[in-house]
Full PDB file with SEQRES, HELIX, SHEET, SSBOND, CRYST1, ORIGX, SCALE, CONECT and MASTER records, all heavy atoms in Angstrom:
SEQRES   1 A   41  LEU MET LEU VAL ALA SER VAL VAL GLN GLY LEU GLY LEU          
SEQRES   2 A   41  LEU LEU CYS LEU ILE TYR ILE CYS LEU HIS PHE HIS ALA          
SEQRES   3 A   41  PRO GLN VAL PRO PRO GLN TYR PRO PRO ILE ARG SER ILE          
SEQRES   4 A   41  GLY ALA                                                      
HELIX    1 AA1 MET A    2  HIS A   25  1                                  24    
CRYST1    1.000    1.000    1.000  90.00  90.00  90.00 P 1           1          
ORIGX1      1.000000  0.000000  0.000000        0.00000                         
ORIGX2      0.000000  1.000000  0.000000        0.00000                         
ORIGX3      0.000000  0.000000  1.000000        0.00000                         
SCALE1      1.000000  0.000000  0.000000        0.00000                         
SCALE2      0.000000  1.000000  0.000000        0.00000                         
SCALE3      0.000000  0.000000  1.000000        0.00000                         
ATOM      1  N   LEU A   1       0.837  -1.207   0.000  1.00  0.00           N  
ATOM      2  CA  LEU A   1       0.000   0.000   0.000  1.00  0.00           C  
ATOM      3  C   LEU A   1       0.868   1.252   0.000  1.00  0.00           C  
ATOM      4  O   LEU A   1       0.581   2.224  -0.713  1.00  0.00           O  
ATOM      5  CB  LEU A   1      -0.931  -0.022   1.223  1.00  0.00           C  
ATOM      6  CG  LEU A   1      -1.962   1.095   1.319  1.00  0.00           C  
ATOM      7  CD1 LEU A   1      -2.905   1.041   0.131  1.00  0.00           C  
ATOM      8  CD2 LEU A   1      -2.732   0.981   2.614  1.00  0.00           C  
ATOM      9  N   MET A   2       1.945   1.266   0.750  1.00  0.00           N  
ATOM     10  CA  MET A   2       2.864   2.407   0.780  1.00  0.00           C  
ATOM     11  C   MET A   2       3.543   2.576  -0.589  1.00  0.00           C  
ATOM     12  O   MET A   2       3.727   3.707  -1.046  1.00  0.00           O  
ATOM     13  CB  MET A   2       3.923   2.216   1.863  1.00  0.00           C  
ATOM     14  CG  MET A   2       3.375   2.088   3.253  1.00  0.00           C  
ATOM     15  SD  MET A   2       3.307   3.606   4.148  1.00  0.00           S  
ATOM     16  CE  MET A   2       4.985   3.966   4.415  1.00  0.00           C  
ATOM     17  N   LEU A   3       3.880   1.485  -1.225  1.00  0.00           N  
ATOM     18  CA  LEU A   3       4.499   1.546  -2.539  1.00  0.00           C  
ATOM     19  C   LEU A   3       3.515   2.119  -3.571  1.00  0.00           C  
ATOM     20  O   LEU A   3       3.879   2.981  -4.377  1.00  0.00           O  
ATOM     21  CB  LEU A   3       4.967   0.146  -2.968  1.00  0.00           C  
ATOM     22  CG  LEU A   3       5.617   0.053  -4.352  1.00  0.00           C  
ATOM     23  CD1 LEU A   3       6.926   0.835  -4.355  1.00  0.00           C  
ATOM     24  CD2 LEU A   3       5.848  -1.394  -4.732  1.00  0.00           C  
ATOM     25  N   VAL A   4       2.271   1.688  -3.553  1.00  0.00           N  
ATOM     26  CA  VAL A   4       1.263   2.195  -4.484  1.00  0.00           C  
ATOM     27  C   VAL A   4       1.038   3.695  -4.237  1.00  0.00           C  
ATOM     28  O   VAL A   4       0.953   4.492  -5.181  1.00  0.00           O  
ATOM     29  CB  VAL A   4      -0.059   1.395  -4.353  1.00  0.00           C  
ATOM     30  CG1 VAL A   4      -1.193   2.073  -5.101  1.00  0.00           C  
ATOM     31  CG2 VAL A   4       0.129  -0.031  -4.852  1.00  0.00           C  
ATOM     32  N   ALA A   5       0.948   4.118  -2.983  1.00  0.00           N  
ATOM     33  CA  ALA A   5       0.752   5.537  -2.671  1.00  0.00           C  
ATOM     34  C   ALA A   5       1.943   6.358  -3.150  1.00  0.00           C  
ATOM     35  O   ALA A   5       1.778   7.467  -3.683  1.00  0.00           O  
ATOM     36  CB  ALA A   5       0.544   5.717  -1.165  1.00  0.00           C  
ATOM     37  N   SER A   6       3.148   5.861  -3.001  1.00  0.00           N  
ATOM     38  CA  SER A   6       4.339   6.575  -3.472  1.00  0.00           C  
ATOM     39  C   SER A   6       4.343   6.704  -4.993  1.00  0.00           C  
ATOM     40  O   SER A   6       4.712   7.748  -5.536  1.00  0.00           O  
ATOM     41  CB  SER A   6       5.607   5.848  -3.016  1.00  0.00           C  
ATOM     42  OG  SER A   6       5.695   5.854  -1.626  1.00  0.00           O  
ATOM     43  N   VAL A   7       3.947   5.657  -5.682  1.00  0.00           N  
ATOM     44  CA  VAL A   7       3.898   5.695  -7.143  1.00  0.00           C  
ATOM     45  C   VAL A   7       2.846   6.724  -7.599  1.00  0.00           C  
ATOM     46  O   VAL A   7       3.096   7.514  -8.515  1.00  0.00           O  
ATOM     47  CB  VAL A   7       3.604   4.291  -7.720  1.00  0.00           C  
ATOM     48  CG1 VAL A   7       3.260   4.361  -9.202  1.00  0.00           C  
ATOM     49  CG2 VAL A   7       4.800   3.372  -7.505  1.00  0.00           C  
ATOM     50  N   VAL A   8       1.691   6.758  -6.951  1.00  0.00           N  
ATOM     51  CA  VAL A   8       0.643   7.713  -7.316  1.00  0.00           C  
ATOM     52  C   VAL A   8       1.127   9.138  -7.062  1.00  0.00           C  
ATOM     53  O   VAL A   8       0.928  10.036  -7.890  1.00  0.00           O  
ATOM     54  CB  VAL A   8      -0.668   7.415  -6.546  1.00  0.00           C  
ATOM     55  CG1 VAL A   8      -1.673   8.544  -6.692  1.00  0.00           C  
ATOM     56  CG2 VAL A   8      -1.273   6.101  -7.031  1.00  0.00           C  
ATOM     57  N   GLN A   9       1.787   9.376  -5.943  1.00  0.00           N  
ATOM     58  CA  GLN A   9       2.333  10.712  -5.667  1.00  0.00           C  
ATOM     59  C   GLN A   9       3.389  11.107  -6.691  1.00  0.00           C  
ATOM     60  O   GLN A   9       3.439  12.245  -7.157  1.00  0.00           O  
ATOM     61  CB  GLN A   9       2.942  10.762  -4.258  1.00  0.00           C  
ATOM     62  CG  GLN A   9       1.917  10.860  -3.163  1.00  0.00           C  
ATOM     63  CD  GLN A   9       2.573  10.917  -1.794  1.00  0.00           C  
ATOM     64  OE1 GLN A   9       3.729  10.522  -1.627  1.00  0.00           O  
ATOM     65  NE2 GLN A   9       1.814  11.383  -0.814  1.00  0.00           N  
ATOM     66  N   GLY A  10       4.234  10.165  -7.052  1.00  0.00           N  
ATOM     67  CA  GLY A  10       5.272  10.435  -8.052  1.00  0.00           C  
ATOM     68  C   GLY A  10       4.660  10.767  -9.406  1.00  0.00           C  
ATOM     69  O   GLY A  10       5.104  11.696 -10.095  1.00  0.00           O  
ATOM     70  N   LEU A  11       3.620  10.043  -9.810  1.00  0.00           N  
ATOM     71  CA  LEU A  11       2.942  10.345 -11.079  1.00  0.00           C  
ATOM     72  C   LEU A  11       2.264  11.722 -11.024  1.00  0.00           C  
ATOM     73  O   LEU A  11       2.292  12.469 -12.002  1.00  0.00           O  
ATOM     74  CB  LEU A  11       1.912   9.262 -11.399  1.00  0.00           C  
ATOM     75  CG  LEU A  11       2.479   7.920 -11.893  1.00  0.00           C  
ATOM     76  CD1 LEU A  11       1.361   6.897 -12.045  1.00  0.00           C  
ATOM     77  CD2 LEU A  11       3.220   8.102 -13.194  1.00  0.00           C  
ATOM     78  N   GLY A  12       1.659  12.058  -9.896  1.00  0.00           N  
ATOM     79  CA  GLY A  12       1.052  13.382  -9.746  1.00  0.00           C  
ATOM     80  C   GLY A  12       2.082  14.486  -9.870  1.00  0.00           C  
ATOM     81  O   GLY A  12       1.851  15.497 -10.554  1.00  0.00           O  
ATOM     82  N   LEU A  13       3.233  14.291  -9.227  1.00  0.00           N  
ATOM     83  CA  LEU A  13       4.311  15.279  -9.322  1.00  0.00           C  
ATOM     84  C   LEU A  13       4.822  15.381 -10.754  1.00  0.00           C  
ATOM     85  O   LEU A  13       5.052  16.483 -11.263  1.00  0.00           O  
ATOM     86  CB  LEU A  13       5.446  14.898  -8.370  1.00  0.00           C  
ATOM     87  CG  LEU A  13       6.647  15.830  -8.331  1.00  0.00           C  
ATOM     88  CD1 LEU A  13       6.211  17.206  -7.839  1.00  0.00           C  
ATOM     89  CD2 LEU A  13       7.734  15.270  -7.433  1.00  0.00           C  
ATOM     90  N   LEU A  14       4.970  14.258 -11.426  1.00  0.00           N  
ATOM     91  CA  LEU A  14       5.411  14.261 -12.820  1.00  0.00           C  
ATOM     92  C   LEU A  14       4.411  14.999 -13.715  1.00  0.00           C  
ATOM     93  O   LEU A  14       4.810  15.810 -14.566  1.00  0.00           O  
ATOM     94  CB  LEU A  14       5.617  12.824 -13.310  1.00  0.00           C  
ATOM     95  CG  LEU A  14       6.097  12.672 -14.747  1.00  0.00           C  
ATOM     96  CD1 LEU A  14       7.507  13.240 -14.891  1.00  0.00           C  
ATOM     97  CD2 LEU A  14       6.049  11.219 -15.168  1.00  0.00           C  
ATOM     98  N   LEU A  15       3.127  14.771 -13.528  1.00  0.00           N  
ATOM     99  CA  LEU A  15       2.108  15.464 -14.315  1.00  0.00           C  
ATOM    100  C   LEU A  15       2.137  16.969 -14.052  1.00  0.00           C  
ATOM    101  O   LEU A  15       1.983  17.767 -14.979  1.00  0.00           O  
ATOM    102  CB  LEU A  15       0.726  14.899 -14.020  1.00  0.00           C  
ATOM    103  CG  LEU A  15       0.441  13.510 -14.608  1.00  0.00           C  
ATOM    104  CD1 LEU A  15      -0.911  13.001 -14.130  1.00  0.00           C  
ATOM    105  CD2 LEU A  15       0.485  13.549 -16.115  1.00  0.00           C  
ATOM    106  N   CYS A  16       2.330  17.374 -12.810  1.00  0.00           N  
ATOM    107  CA  CYS A  16       2.435  18.809 -12.496  1.00  0.00           C  
ATOM    108  C   CYS A  16       3.634  19.427 -13.198  1.00  0.00           C  
ATOM    109  O   CYS A  16       3.537  20.525 -13.760  1.00  0.00           O  
ATOM    110  CB  CYS A  16       2.537  19.020 -10.988  1.00  0.00           C  
ATOM    111  SG  CYS A  16       0.988  18.753 -10.117  1.00  0.00           S  
ATOM    112  N   LEU A  17       4.767  18.757 -13.165  1.00  0.00           N  
ATOM    113  CA  LEU A  17       5.965  19.278 -13.825  1.00  0.00           C  
ATOM    114  C   LEU A  17       5.760  19.377 -15.343  1.00  0.00           C  
ATOM    115  O   LEU A  17       6.183  20.359 -15.967  1.00  0.00           O  
ATOM    116  CB  LEU A  17       7.172  18.406 -13.497  1.00  0.00           C  
ATOM    117  CG  LEU A  17       7.692  18.516 -12.061  1.00  0.00           C  
ATOM    118  CD1 LEU A  17       8.784  17.489 -11.810  1.00  0.00           C  
ATOM    119  CD2 LEU A  17       8.195  19.918 -11.788  1.00  0.00           C  
ATOM    120  N   ILE A  18       5.121  18.374 -15.935  1.00  0.00           N  
ATOM    121  CA  ILE A  18       4.850  18.413 -17.377  1.00  0.00           C  
ATOM    122  C   ILE A  18       3.931  19.594 -17.704  1.00  0.00           C  
ATOM    123  O   ILE A  18       4.170  20.330 -18.661  1.00  0.00           O  
ATOM    124  CB  ILE A  18       4.238  17.077 -17.856  1.00  0.00           C  
ATOM    125  CG1 ILE A  18       5.301  15.979 -17.819  1.00  0.00           C  
ATOM    126  CG2 ILE A  18       3.653  17.210 -19.257  1.00  0.00           C  
ATOM    127  CD1 ILE A  18       4.749  14.583 -18.075  1.00  0.00           C  
ATOM    128  N   TYR A  19       2.900  19.802 -16.903  1.00  0.00           N  
ATOM    129  CA  TYR A  19       1.981  20.921 -17.129  1.00  0.00           C  
ATOM    130  C   TYR A  19       2.713  22.258 -17.040  1.00  0.00           C  
ATOM    131  O   TYR A  19       2.527  23.133 -17.891  1.00  0.00           O  
ATOM    132  CB  TYR A  19       0.832  20.869 -16.121  1.00  0.00           C  
ATOM    133  CG  TYR A  19      -0.088  22.054 -16.226  1.00  0.00           C  
ATOM    134  CD1 TYR A  19      -1.036  22.128 -17.238  1.00  0.00           C  
ATOM    135  CD2 TYR A  19       0.006  23.110 -15.329  1.00  0.00           C  
ATOM    136  CE1 TYR A  19      -1.872  23.217 -17.355  1.00  0.00           C  
ATOM    137  CE2 TYR A  19      -0.828  24.210 -15.438  1.00  0.00           C  
ATOM    138  CZ  TYR A  19      -1.765  24.257 -16.447  1.00  0.00           C  
ATOM    139  OH  TYR A  19      -2.578  25.347 -16.558  1.00  0.00           O  
ATOM    140  N   ILE A  20       3.544  22.424 -16.041  1.00  0.00           N  
ATOM    141  CA  ILE A  20       4.292  23.680 -15.871  1.00  0.00           C  
ATOM    142  C   ILE A  20       5.232  23.902 -17.051  1.00  0.00           C  
ATOM    143  O   ILE A  20       5.302  25.007 -17.598  1.00  0.00           O  
ATOM    144  CB  ILE A  20       5.050  23.677 -14.529  1.00  0.00           C  
ATOM    145  CG1 ILE A  20       4.052  23.784 -13.366  1.00  0.00           C  
ATOM    146  CG2 ILE A  20       6.070  24.808 -14.463  1.00  0.00           C  
ATOM    147  CD1 ILE A  20       4.661  23.565 -12.009  1.00  0.00           C  
ATOM    148  N   CYS A  21       5.929  22.864 -17.468  1.00  0.00           N  
ATOM    149  CA  CYS A  21       6.856  23.000 -18.608  1.00  0.00           C  
ATOM    150  C   CYS A  21       6.099  23.342 -19.888  1.00  0.00           C  
ATOM    151  O   CYS A  21       6.537  24.205 -20.664  1.00  0.00           O  
ATOM    152  CB  CYS A  21       7.657  21.725 -18.801  1.00  0.00           C  
ATOM    153  SG  CYS A  21       8.875  21.442 -17.493  1.00  0.00           S  
ATOM    154  N   LEU A  22       4.985  22.692 -20.139  1.00  0.00           N  
ATOM    155  CA  LEU A  22       4.204  22.992 -21.345  1.00  0.00           C  
ATOM    156  C   LEU A  22       3.640  24.410 -21.296  1.00  0.00           C  
ATOM    157  O   LEU A  22       3.562  25.088 -22.315  1.00  0.00           O  
ATOM    158  CB  LEU A  22       3.069  21.983 -21.509  1.00  0.00           C  
ATOM    159  CG  LEU A  22       3.484  20.581 -21.946  1.00  0.00           C  
ATOM    160  CD1 LEU A  22       2.267  19.661 -21.981  1.00  0.00           C  
ATOM    161  CD2 LEU A  22       4.174  20.608 -23.294  1.00  0.00           C  
ATOM    162  N   HIS A  23       3.263  24.851 -20.124  1.00  0.00           N  
ATOM    163  CA  HIS A  23       2.714  26.200 -19.992  1.00  0.00           C  
ATOM    164  C   HIS A  23       3.777  27.254 -20.317  1.00  0.00           C  
ATOM    165  O   HIS A  23       3.502  28.232 -20.990  1.00  0.00           O  
ATOM    166  CB  HIS A  23       2.171  26.411 -18.577  1.00  0.00           C  
ATOM    167  CG  HIS A  23       1.644  27.779 -18.335  1.00  0.00           C  
ATOM    168  ND1 HIS A  23       0.461  28.213 -18.876  1.00  0.00           N  
ATOM    169  CD2 HIS A  23       2.154  28.823 -17.636  1.00  0.00           C  
ATOM    170  CE1 HIS A  23       0.254  29.466 -18.517  1.00  0.00           C  
ATOM    171  NE2 HIS A  23       1.262  29.856 -17.764  1.00  0.00           N  
ATOM    172  N   PHE A  24       4.997  27.060 -19.845  1.00  0.00           N  
ATOM    173  CA  PHE A  24       6.041  28.052 -20.085  1.00  0.00           C  
ATOM    174  C   PHE A  24       6.604  27.978 -21.503  1.00  0.00           C  
ATOM    175  O   PHE A  24       7.099  28.967 -22.023  1.00  0.00           O  
ATOM    176  CB  PHE A  24       7.174  27.905 -19.064  1.00  0.00           C  
ATOM    177  CG  PHE A  24       6.823  28.470 -17.736  1.00  0.00           C  
ATOM    178  CD1 PHE A  24       6.770  27.664 -16.614  1.00  0.00           C  
ATOM    179  CD2 PHE A  24       6.514  29.820 -17.585  1.00  0.00           C  
ATOM    180  CE1 PHE A  24       6.436  28.185 -15.389  1.00  0.00           C  
ATOM    181  CE2 PHE A  24       6.177  30.345 -16.364  1.00  0.00           C  
ATOM    182  CZ  PHE A  24       6.135  29.529 -15.252  1.00  0.00           C  
ATOM    183  N   HIS A  25       6.530  26.818 -22.132  1.00  0.00           N  
ATOM    184  CA  HIS A  25       7.074  26.684 -23.475  1.00  0.00           C  
ATOM    185  C   HIS A  25       6.015  26.870 -24.567  1.00  0.00           C  
ATOM    186  O   HIS A  25       6.345  26.863 -25.740  1.00  0.00           O  
ATOM    187  CB  HIS A  25       7.764  25.331 -23.649  1.00  0.00           C  
ATOM    188  CG  HIS A  25       9.025  25.231 -22.854  1.00  0.00           C  
ATOM    189  ND1 HIS A  25      10.110  26.040 -23.082  1.00  0.00           N  
ATOM    190  CD2 HIS A  25       9.359  24.439 -21.807  1.00  0.00           C  
ATOM    191  CE1 HIS A  25      11.063  25.741 -22.224  1.00  0.00           C  
ATOM    192  NE2 HIS A  25      10.637  24.770 -21.431  1.00  0.00           N  
ATOM    193  N   ALA A  26       4.757  27.035 -24.192  1.00  0.00           N  
ATOM    194  CA  ALA A  26       3.699  27.264 -25.182  1.00  0.00           C  
ATOM    195  C   ALA A  26       3.872  28.666 -25.760  1.00  0.00           C  
ATOM    196  O   ALA A  26       4.293  29.585 -25.075  1.00  0.00           O  
ATOM    197  CB  ALA A  26       2.329  27.123 -24.537  1.00  0.00           C  
ATOM    198  N   PRO A  27       3.559  28.841 -27.036  1.00  0.00           N  
ATOM    199  CA  PRO A  27       3.668  30.182 -27.620  1.00  0.00           C  
ATOM    200  C   PRO A  27       2.695  31.135 -26.932  1.00  0.00           C  
ATOM    201  O   PRO A  27       1.525  30.810 -26.732  1.00  0.00           O  
ATOM    202  CB  PRO A  27       3.305  29.976 -29.091  1.00  0.00           C  
ATOM    203  CG  PRO A  27       2.570  28.684 -29.137  1.00  0.00           C  
ATOM    204  CD  PRO A  27       3.071  27.860 -27.983  1.00  0.00           C  
ATOM    205  N   GLN A  28       3.205  32.286 -26.553  1.00  0.00           N  
ATOM    206  CA  GLN A  28       2.400  33.277 -25.861  1.00  0.00           C  
ATOM    207  C   GLN A  28       1.689  34.147 -26.889  1.00  0.00           C  
ATOM    208  O   GLN A  28       2.259  35.089 -27.417  1.00  0.00           O  
ATOM    209  CB  GLN A  28       3.284  34.136 -24.943  1.00  0.00           C  
ATOM    210  CG  GLN A  28       3.985  33.341 -23.858  1.00  0.00           C  
ATOM    211  CD  GLN A  28       3.013  32.715 -22.870  1.00  0.00           C  
ATOM    212  OE1 GLN A  28       1.968  33.264 -22.593  1.00  0.00           O  
ATOM    213  NE2 GLN A  28       3.369  31.539 -22.372  1.00  0.00           N  
ATOM    214  N   VAL A  29       0.447  33.824 -27.194  1.00  0.00           N  
ATOM    215  CA  VAL A  29      -0.349  34.566 -28.156  1.00  0.00           C  
ATOM    216  C   VAL A  29      -1.322  35.445 -27.382  1.00  0.00           C  
ATOM    217  O   VAL A  29      -2.119  34.933 -26.597  1.00  0.00           O  
ATOM    218  CB  VAL A  29      -1.128  33.612 -29.092  1.00  0.00           C  
ATOM    219  CG1 VAL A  29      -1.996  34.381 -30.057  1.00  0.00           C  
ATOM    220  CG2 VAL A  29      -0.165  32.699 -29.816  1.00  0.00           C  
ATOM    221  N   PRO A  30      -1.240  36.746 -27.561  1.00  0.00           N  
ATOM    222  CA  PRO A  30      -2.186  37.595 -26.847  1.00  0.00           C  
ATOM    223  C   PRO A  30      -3.591  37.387 -27.390  1.00  0.00           C  
ATOM    224  O   PRO A  30      -3.774  37.077 -28.569  1.00  0.00           O  
ATOM    225  CB  PRO A  30      -1.691  39.019 -27.135  1.00  0.00           C  
ATOM    226  CG  PRO A  30      -0.920  38.902 -28.393  1.00  0.00           C  
ATOM    227  CD  PRO A  30      -0.338  37.508 -28.409  1.00  0.00           C  
ATOM    228  N   PRO A  31      -4.605  37.536 -26.547  1.00  0.00           N  
ATOM    229  CA  PRO A  31      -5.972  37.373 -27.038  1.00  0.00           C  
ATOM    230  C   PRO A  31      -6.301  38.440 -28.078  1.00  0.00           C  
ATOM    231  O   PRO A  31      -5.859  39.578 -27.971  1.00  0.00           O  
ATOM    232  CB  PRO A  31      -6.837  37.546 -25.780  1.00  0.00           C  
ATOM    233  CG  PRO A  31      -5.955  38.199 -24.781  1.00  0.00           C  
ATOM    234  CD  PRO A  31      -4.543  37.891 -25.146  1.00  0.00           C  
ATOM    235  N   GLN A  32      -7.044  38.043 -29.072  1.00  0.00           N  
ATOM    236  CA  GLN A  32      -7.397  38.951 -30.157  1.00  0.00           C  
ATOM    237  C   GLN A  32      -8.777  39.541 -29.901  1.00  0.00           C  
ATOM    238  O   GLN A  32      -9.779  38.856 -30.032  1.00  0.00           O  
ATOM    239  CB  GLN A  32      -7.389  38.213 -31.496  1.00  0.00           C  
ATOM    240  CG  GLN A  32      -6.033  37.655 -31.871  1.00  0.00           C  
ATOM    241  CD  GLN A  32      -5.031  38.758 -32.145  1.00  0.00           C  
ATOM    242  OE1 GLN A  32      -5.370  39.776 -32.717  1.00  0.00           O  
ATOM    243  NE2 GLN A  32      -3.804  38.569 -31.713  1.00  0.00           N  
ATOM    244  N   TYR A  33      -8.805  40.783 -29.492  1.00  0.00           N  
ATOM    245  CA  TYR A  33     -10.067  41.473 -29.283  1.00  0.00           C  
ATOM    246  C   TYR A  33     -10.301  42.411 -30.462  1.00  0.00           C  
ATOM    247  O   TYR A  33      -9.391  43.094 -30.909  1.00  0.00           O  
ATOM    248  CB  TYR A  33     -10.039  42.294 -27.995  1.00  0.00           C  
ATOM    249  CG  TYR A  33      -9.854  41.452 -26.758  1.00  0.00           C  
ATOM    250  CD1 TYR A  33      -8.678  41.516 -26.022  1.00  0.00           C  
ATOM    251  CD2 TYR A  33     -10.849  40.593 -26.334  1.00  0.00           C  
ATOM    252  CE1 TYR A  33      -8.510  40.744 -24.889  1.00  0.00           C  
ATOM    253  CE2 TYR A  33     -10.690  39.817 -25.215  1.00  0.00           C  
ATOM    254  CZ  TYR A  33      -9.518  39.895 -24.484  1.00  0.00           C  
ATOM    255  OH  TYR A  33      -9.358  39.127 -23.376  1.00  0.00           O  
ATOM    256  N   PRO A  34     -11.509  42.462 -30.956  1.00  0.00           N  
ATOM    257  CA  PRO A  34     -11.778  43.392 -32.057  1.00  0.00           C  
ATOM    258  C   PRO A  34     -11.694  44.827 -31.546  1.00  0.00           C  
ATOM    259  O   PRO A  34     -11.956  45.083 -30.373  1.00  0.00           O  
ATOM    260  CB  PRO A  34     -13.202  43.046 -32.493  1.00  0.00           C  
ATOM    261  CG  PRO A  34     -13.809  42.376 -31.312  1.00  0.00           C  
ATOM    262  CD  PRO A  34     -12.691  41.701 -30.576  1.00  0.00           C  
ATOM    263  N   PRO A  35     -11.329  45.750 -32.406  1.00  0.00           N  
ATOM    264  CA  PRO A  35     -11.246  47.142 -31.958  1.00  0.00           C  
ATOM    265  C   PRO A  35     -12.637  47.674 -31.623  1.00  0.00           C  
ATOM    266  O   PRO A  35     -13.605  47.377 -32.319  1.00  0.00           O  
ATOM    267  CB  PRO A  35     -10.655  47.882 -33.157  1.00  0.00           C  
ATOM    268  CG  PRO A  35     -11.000  47.021 -34.328  1.00  0.00           C  
ATOM    269  CD  PRO A  35     -11.009  45.604 -33.818  1.00  0.00           C  
ATOM    270  N   ILE A  36     -12.707  48.424 -30.561  1.00  0.00           N  
ATOM    271  CA  ILE A  36     -13.969  49.043 -30.177  1.00  0.00           C  
ATOM    272  C   ILE A  36     -14.105  50.333 -30.961  1.00  0.00           C  
ATOM    273  O   ILE A  36     -13.230  51.200 -30.907  1.00  0.00           O  
ATOM    274  CB  ILE A  36     -14.014  49.304 -28.662  1.00  0.00           C  
ATOM    275  CG1 ILE A  36     -14.009  47.972 -27.931  1.00  0.00           C  
ATOM    276  CG2 ILE A  36     -15.239  50.128 -28.298  1.00  0.00           C  
ATOM    277  CD1 ILE A  36     -13.966  48.091 -26.435  1.00  0.00           C  
ATOM    278  N   ARG A  37     -15.156  50.453 -31.694  1.00  0.00           N  
ATOM    279  CA  ARG A  37     -15.386  51.651 -32.503  1.00  0.00           C  
ATOM    280  C   ARG A  37     -15.955  52.734 -31.602  1.00  0.00           C  
ATOM    281  O   ARG A  37     -16.982  52.536 -30.956  1.00  0.00           O  
ATOM    282  CB  ARG A  37     -16.340  51.347 -33.637  1.00  0.00           C  
ATOM    283  CG  ARG A  37     -15.862  50.134 -34.423  1.00  0.00           C  
ATOM    284  CD  ARG A  37     -16.055  50.323 -35.855  1.00  0.00           C  
ATOM    285  NE  ARG A  37     -15.633  49.110 -36.527  1.00  0.00           N  
ATOM    286  CZ  ARG A  37     -14.784  49.111 -37.524  1.00  0.00           C  
ATOM    287  NH1 ARG A  37     -14.290  50.228 -37.959  1.00  0.00           N  
ATOM    288  NH2 ARG A  37     -14.441  47.994 -38.093  1.00  0.00           N  
ATOM    289  N   SER A  38     -15.270  53.867 -31.575  1.00  0.00           N  
ATOM    290  CA  SER A  38     -15.718  54.961 -30.721  1.00  0.00           C  
ATOM    291  C   SER A  38     -15.151  56.276 -31.224  1.00  0.00           C  
ATOM    292  O   SER A  38     -14.212  56.298 -32.023  1.00  0.00           O  
ATOM    293  CB  SER A  38     -15.259  54.727 -29.281  1.00  0.00           C  
ATOM    294  OG  SER A  38     -13.849  54.756 -29.215  1.00  0.00           O  
ATOM    295  N   ILE A  39     -15.749  57.347 -30.735  1.00  0.00           N  
ATOM    296  CA  ILE A  39     -15.256  58.686 -31.046  1.00  0.00           C  
ATOM    297  C   ILE A  39     -15.680  59.610 -29.915  1.00  0.00           C  
ATOM    298  O   ILE A  39     -16.752  59.450 -29.335  1.00  0.00           O  
ATOM    299  CB  ILE A  39     -15.771  59.197 -32.405  1.00  0.00           C  
ATOM    300  CG1 ILE A  39     -15.060  60.493 -32.784  1.00  0.00           C  
ATOM    301  CG2 ILE A  39     -17.272  59.366 -32.395  1.00  0.00           C  
ATOM    302  CD1 ILE A  39     -15.272  60.914 -34.219  1.00  0.00           C  
ATOM    303  N   GLY A  40     -14.807  60.539 -29.622  1.00  0.00           N  
ATOM    304  CA  GLY A  40     -15.098  61.614 -28.682  1.00  0.00           C  
ATOM    305  C   GLY A  40     -14.984  62.926 -29.431  1.00  0.00           C  
ATOM    306  O   GLY A  40     -13.885  63.444 -29.599  1.00  0.00           O  
ATOM    307  N   ALA A  41     -16.095  63.448 -29.912  1.00  0.00           N  
ATOM    308  CA  ALA A  41     -16.086  64.687 -30.694  1.00  0.00           C  
ATOM    309  C   ALA A  41     -16.394  65.870 -29.779  1.00  0.00           C  
ATOM    310  O   ALA A  41     -17.173  65.758 -28.836  1.00  0.00           O  
ATOM    311  CB  ALA A  41     -17.106  64.611 -31.812  1.00  0.00           C  
TER     312      ALA A  41                                                      
MASTER        0    0    0    1    0    0    0    6  311    1    0    4          
END                                                                             
């Protein structure tokens, strides 16, 4: 039971590290908002 719990914790830690690495290495694309049409006359 201790071995299974350690393996599950290790997999959770590995998944967290993979998520963090993918997040930092993903291309940073700013959100595309359409221009707001306005005028102050």
